[in-house]
Every structure is written in C-alpha cells, then in structure tokens.
Protein backbone atom coordinates (compact mmCIF):
# COMPACT_ATOMS: atom_id res chain seq x y z
CA HIS A 1 65.30 150.06 164.84
CA PRO A 2 64.12 152.67 162.72
CA ALA A 3 65.69 155.63 164.61
CA PHE A 4 69.04 153.87 164.18
CA ALA A 5 68.56 153.52 160.47
CA ARG A 6 67.48 157.42 160.00
CA GLY A 7 70.55 158.27 162.11
CA LEU A 8 73.08 156.29 160.07
CA LEU A 9 71.52 157.44 156.97
CA VAL A 10 71.33 161.19 158.34
CA SER A 11 75.34 160.85 159.31
CA HIS A 12 76.04 159.41 155.91
CA VAL A 13 74.54 162.16 153.99
CA LEU A 14 76.08 164.80 156.29
CA LEU A 15 79.51 163.40 156.15
CA LEU A 16 79.20 163.22 152.19
CA LEU A 17 78.26 166.77 152.23
CA TYR A 18 81.05 167.84 154.29
CA LEU A 19 83.68 166.07 152.16
CA ALA A 20 82.12 167.73 148.99
CA HIS A 21 82.50 171.01 150.78
CA ARG A 22 85.67 170.79 152.16
CA ARG A 23 87.53 168.22 149.55
CA TRP A 24 85.66 167.99 146.42
CA ILE A 25 84.61 171.26 145.46
CA PRO A 26 87.18 174.09 145.24
CA GLY A 27 86.13 176.82 147.81
CA GLY A 28 83.17 174.75 148.79
CA PHE A 29 79.38 175.30 148.28
CA GLY A 30 79.74 178.98 148.83
CA LYS A 31 81.26 179.66 145.40
CA SER A 32 79.79 180.34 142.41
CA LYS A 33 81.34 178.17 140.20
CA TRP A 34 81.01 175.30 142.71
CA LEU A 35 80.63 172.78 139.76
CA THR A 36 84.41 173.35 138.97
CA TRP A 37 86.34 170.25 140.16
CA THR A 38 90.08 170.61 141.41
CA GLY A 39 92.39 169.37 138.49
CA TYR A 40 94.71 170.60 135.98
CA GLY A 41 95.31 174.24 135.21
CA ASP A 42 92.79 173.93 132.16
CA GLY A 43 89.98 172.73 134.32
CA SER A 44 90.17 168.83 133.55
CA LEU A 45 90.00 166.81 136.28
CA GLN A 46 92.94 164.47 137.59
CA ARG A 47 92.19 160.65 137.62
CA GLN A 48 93.40 160.58 140.84
CA SER A 49 90.93 163.08 142.23
CA VAL A 50 87.98 161.10 140.68
CA VAL A 51 89.14 157.89 142.06
CA ALA A 52 89.64 159.08 145.33
CA ALA A 53 86.44 160.80 145.58
CA TRP A 54 84.54 157.23 144.52
CA PHE A 55 86.57 155.22 146.84
CA THR A 56 85.94 157.99 149.75
CA CYS A 57 82.07 157.70 149.04
CA ASN A 58 82.72 153.92 149.26
CA PHE A 59 84.55 154.17 152.62
CA VAL A 60 81.67 156.53 153.91
CA GLY A 61 79.23 153.75 152.86
CA ILE A 62 81.12 150.99 154.90
CA VAL A 63 81.43 153.21 157.95
CA PHE A 64 77.59 153.91 158.04
CA LEU A 65 76.29 150.77 156.84
CA ARG A 66 73.89 148.58 158.78
CA THR A 67 74.47 145.07 157.35
CA MET A 68 77.76 143.78 155.71
CA HIS A 69 77.38 142.38 152.44
CA PHE A 70 80.30 140.31 150.43
CA GLN A 71 80.07 142.76 147.39
CA PHE A 72 80.76 145.75 149.78
CA LEU A 73 83.50 144.08 151.32
CA VAL A 74 85.36 143.02 148.04
CA TRP A 75 84.75 146.58 146.35
CA TYR A 76 86.32 148.13 149.55
CA PHE A 77 89.46 145.42 149.90
CA HIS A 78 90.54 146.47 146.93
CA SER A 79 90.53 150.58 147.44
CA VAL A 80 92.13 150.62 150.91
CA PRO A 81 95.68 150.59 149.16
CA PHE A 82 94.75 153.50 146.86
CA LEU A 83 93.12 155.36 149.62
CA ASP A 84 96.31 154.89 151.84
CA TRP A 85 98.66 156.05 149.17
CA TYR A 86 96.43 159.01 148.28
CA ALA A 87 96.02 160.27 151.73
CA LEU A 88 99.75 159.82 152.42
CA ARG A 89 101.10 161.34 149.15
CA PRO A 90 103.19 164.90 149.37
C-alpha cells in the first residue's frame, strides 16, 4: 500500500533527523556551528562516534524497512555487538 510506504519513509527520515539533532550534532540544529561534531578537544572525531552514527543509521533503516534482504541482515548482524557496547558504556 502506497500510504504505508510513505509513512515508513517519513518515519525513517524523522527519526534520523531526531538522532542528528539530539545525538550527533552538538547543541542540535539551532547552533551556528552545527557542522562541528562531538569529538576530541581539538575538534577531531572519535572513531567510536563515527561508527556508532553509521550503525545507528543502519539500525533505523532495519526498523523501518518494508522487505528484508539478506545483505541488510548480514550487515546489521555484525553491528549489534558494537551498538550494545556503545549504548552501555559509562
């Protein structure tokens, strides 16, 4: 059904924008330096932050997909341990 597909797409985009605003961009979209990412004191990115953003985007894609393809499942399967560790770290 086309309305279901559009609903999934809109939900997917809205959740990615929410995560970008709350997690990936320091201060959210309202700050003038929204292209500055959280990282080390010198402005460089932490490797774990980049990988977590990639894997989180993939997780959101898995949540809102309409059909499961093998390549999505394989990629997602290997990202679950990292997402678990990243979510539970102090």
